Amino acid sequence: MLFCYVDEAGNTGRRLDDPVQPVHLIAAVIVREDRVRRMTERLDYLASQATTWYPVVEYHGYELFHG
């Protein structure tokens, strides 16, 4: 079985000329069932190594790209 994780970033709604969010991005990762646990462990490890002022529980593209 394959798992597909899908997420989006940016949302201009009906304002396609919104300078704050000019792009709407959709991304997906497909992972085999037997690799999900390893992927989760690796992402948890990477999050634990990130320099933040608060615990990372979810990755947000805006925060990642803007430090």
N, C-alpha and C. Protein backbone atom coordinates (compact mmCIF):
# COMPACT_ATOMS: atom_id res chain seq x y z
N MET A 1 0.83 -1.16 0.00
CA MET A 1 0.00 0.00 0.00
C MET A 1 0.89 1.24 0.00
N LEU A 2 0.40 2.28 -0.65
CA LEU A 2 1.10 3.56 -0.69
C LEU A 2 0.29 4.60 0.08
N PHE A 3 0.99 5.46 0.80
CA PHE A 3 0.37 6.59 1.48
C PHE A 3 0.75 7.85 0.71
N CYS A 4 -0.20 8.73 0.54
CA CYS A 4 0.05 9.99 -0.15
C CYS A 4 -0.25 11.13 0.81
N TYR A 5 0.76 11.94 1.09
CA TYR A 5 0.61 13.11 1.95
C TYR A 5 0.56 14.33 1.04
N VAL A 6 -0.50 15.11 1.14
CA VAL A 6 -0.69 16.28 0.28
C VAL A 6 -0.83 17.51 1.16
N ASP A 7 -0.22 18.60 0.73
CA ASP A 7 -0.35 19.85 1.47
C ASP A 7 -0.32 21.00 0.48
N GLU A 8 -0.76 22.14 0.94
CA GLU A 8 -0.77 23.32 0.09
C GLU A 8 -0.22 24.50 0.86
N ALA A 9 0.24 25.49 0.13
CA ALA A 9 0.74 26.72 0.74
C ALA A 9 0.28 27.89 -0.11
N GLY A 10 -0.08 28.95 0.57
CA GLY A 10 -0.57 30.12 -0.14
C GLY A 10 -2.03 29.93 -0.50
N ASN A 11 -2.76 30.98 -0.44
CA ASN A 11 -4.16 30.90 -0.81
C ASN A 11 -4.66 32.30 -1.06
N THR A 12 -4.77 32.66 -2.30
CA THR A 12 -5.22 34.00 -2.65
C THR A 12 -6.73 34.10 -2.72
N GLY A 13 -7.41 32.96 -2.62
CA GLY A 13 -8.86 33.00 -2.74
C GLY A 13 -9.25 33.56 -4.09
N ARG A 14 -10.12 34.52 -4.09
CA ARG A 14 -10.56 35.13 -5.36
C ARG A 14 -9.64 36.27 -5.80
N ARG A 15 -8.72 36.68 -4.92
CA ARG A 15 -7.81 37.79 -5.26
C ARG A 15 -6.54 37.24 -5.89
N LEU A 16 -6.57 37.01 -7.16
CA LEU A 16 -5.42 36.45 -7.86
C LEU A 16 -4.27 37.43 -7.98
N ASP A 17 -4.51 38.71 -7.68
CA ASP A 17 -3.46 39.73 -7.75
C ASP A 17 -2.90 40.06 -6.37
N ASP A 18 -3.19 39.23 -5.36
CA ASP A 18 -2.74 39.47 -3.99
C ASP A 18 -1.22 39.41 -3.92
N PRO A 19 -0.52 40.54 -3.64
CA PRO A 19 0.94 40.55 -3.61
C PRO A 19 1.52 39.79 -2.41
N VAL A 20 0.72 39.56 -1.36
CA VAL A 20 1.21 38.85 -0.19
C VAL A 20 1.33 37.35 -0.47
N GLN A 21 0.41 36.82 -1.23
CA GLN A 21 0.43 35.40 -1.56
C GLN A 21 0.22 35.23 -3.06
N PRO A 22 1.24 35.53 -3.85
CA PRO A 22 1.07 35.49 -5.31
C PRO A 22 1.06 34.08 -5.89
N VAL A 23 1.42 33.08 -5.10
CA VAL A 23 1.53 31.72 -5.62
C VAL A 23 0.75 30.76 -4.72
N HIS A 24 0.05 29.84 -5.33
CA HIS A 24 -0.61 28.76 -4.59
C HIS A 24 0.10 27.48 -4.99
N LEU A 25 0.75 26.84 -4.04
CA LEU A 25 1.57 25.67 -4.30
C LEU A 25 0.95 24.44 -3.67
N ILE A 26 0.89 23.35 -4.43
CA ILE A 26 0.41 22.08 -3.91
C ILE A 26 1.53 21.06 -4.10
N ALA A 27 1.82 20.31 -3.05
CA ALA A 27 2.89 19.31 -3.11
C ALA A 27 2.39 18.00 -2.51
N ALA A 28 3.00 16.91 -2.96
CA ALA A 28 2.63 15.60 -2.44
C ALA A 28 3.86 14.73 -2.30
N VAL A 29 3.81 13.84 -1.32
CA VAL A 29 4.85 12.84 -1.12
C VAL A 29 4.15 11.50 -1.04
N ILE A 30 4.63 10.54 -1.81
CA ILE A 30 4.06 9.20 -1.78
C ILE A 30 5.08 8.28 -1.12
N VAL A 31 4.63 7.54 -0.09
CA VAL A 31 5.52 6.71 0.71
C VAL A 31 4.94 5.29 0.80
N ARG A 32 5.81 4.32 0.64
CA ARG A 32 5.36 2.94 0.83
C ARG A 32 5.01 2.72 2.29
N GLU A 33 4.04 1.86 2.53
CA GLU A 33 3.56 1.59 3.88
C GLU A 33 4.69 1.16 4.82
N ASP A 34 5.61 0.35 4.33
CA ASP A 34 6.69 -0.14 5.18
C ASP A 34 7.75 0.91 5.47
N ARG A 35 7.64 2.09 4.87
CA ARG A 35 8.61 3.17 5.10
C ARG A 35 8.05 4.33 5.90
N VAL A 36 6.76 4.28 6.23
CA VAL A 36 6.13 5.42 6.93
C VAL A 36 6.77 5.65 8.29
N ARG A 37 6.97 4.59 9.06
CA ARG A 37 7.56 4.75 10.39
C ARG A 37 8.95 5.37 10.30
N ARG A 38 9.77 4.91 9.37
CA ARG A 38 11.13 5.45 9.22
C ARG A 38 11.08 6.91 8.80
N MET A 39 10.16 7.25 7.90
CA MET A 39 10.03 8.64 7.48
C MET A 39 9.63 9.51 8.66
N THR A 40 8.68 9.04 9.47
CA THR A 40 8.24 9.80 10.65
C THR A 40 9.38 10.00 11.63
N GLU A 41 10.14 8.95 11.88
CA GLU A 41 11.29 9.06 12.79
C GLU A 41 12.30 10.07 12.27
N ARG A 42 12.57 10.02 10.98
CA ARG A 42 13.54 10.94 10.37
C ARG A 42 13.06 12.38 10.44
N LEU A 43 11.78 12.61 10.14
CA LEU A 43 11.24 13.97 10.22
C LEU A 43 11.24 14.47 11.66
N ASP A 44 10.92 13.61 12.61
CA ASP A 44 10.99 14.01 14.03
C ASP A 44 12.42 14.38 14.42
N TYR A 45 13.39 13.61 13.94
CA TYR A 45 14.78 13.91 14.24
C TYR A 45 15.17 15.26 13.64
N LEU A 46 14.82 15.48 12.38
CA LEU A 46 15.15 16.76 11.73
C LEU A 46 14.51 17.93 12.46
N ALA A 47 13.26 17.75 12.89
CA ALA A 47 12.57 18.81 13.63
C ALA A 47 13.27 19.08 14.96
N SER A 48 13.76 18.03 15.61
CA SER A 48 14.42 18.23 16.90
C SER A 48 15.74 18.96 16.75
N GLN A 49 16.34 18.94 15.57
CA GLN A 49 17.60 19.62 15.33
C GLN A 49 17.41 21.07 14.88
N ALA A 50 16.18 21.44 14.57
CA ALA A 50 15.90 22.80 14.09
C ALA A 50 16.04 23.79 15.24
N THR A 51 16.59 24.94 14.93
CA THR A 51 16.72 26.00 15.92
C THR A 51 15.42 26.79 15.94
N THR A 52 14.64 26.60 16.99
CA THR A 52 13.37 27.31 17.12
C THR A 52 13.19 27.75 18.56
N TRP A 53 12.23 28.63 18.75
CA TRP A 53 11.91 29.09 20.10
C TRP A 53 10.74 28.31 20.68
N TYR A 54 10.18 27.41 19.91
CA TYR A 54 9.04 26.63 20.35
C TYR A 54 9.11 25.26 19.67
N PRO A 55 8.46 24.24 20.22
CA PRO A 55 8.52 22.91 19.63
C PRO A 55 7.90 22.90 18.22
N VAL A 56 8.55 22.23 17.31
CA VAL A 56 8.03 22.11 15.95
C VAL A 56 7.11 20.89 15.90
N VAL A 57 5.86 21.12 15.61
CA VAL A 57 4.93 20.01 15.49
C VAL A 57 4.38 19.90 14.09
N GLU A 58 4.59 20.93 13.28
CA GLU A 58 4.14 20.91 11.90
C GLU A 58 5.08 21.79 11.09
N TYR A 59 5.40 21.35 9.91
CA TYR A 59 6.26 22.13 9.03
C TYR A 59 5.38 23.07 8.21
N HIS A 60 5.72 24.35 8.21
CA HIS A 60 5.00 25.33 7.40
C HIS A 60 5.99 25.96 6.44
N GLY A 61 5.67 25.92 5.16
CA GLY A 61 6.56 26.45 4.14
C GLY A 61 6.91 27.91 4.38
N TYR A 62 5.95 28.74 4.76
CA TYR A 62 6.24 30.16 4.98
C TYR A 62 7.32 30.33 6.03
N GLU A 63 7.16 29.65 7.17
CA GLU A 63 8.15 29.77 8.23
C GLU A 63 9.50 29.20 7.81
N LEU A 64 9.49 28.08 7.08
CA LEU A 64 10.75 27.50 6.63
C LEU A 64 11.51 28.43 5.69
N PHE A 65 10.79 29.05 4.76
CA PHE A 65 11.44 29.92 3.78
C PHE A 65 11.81 31.28 4.32
N HIS A 66 11.18 31.69 5.43
CA HIS A 66 11.45 33.01 5.98
C HIS A 66 12.16 32.96 7.35
N GLY A 67 12.76 31.81 7.66
CA GLY A 67 13.56 31.68 8.88
C GLY A 67 12.76 31.76 10.14
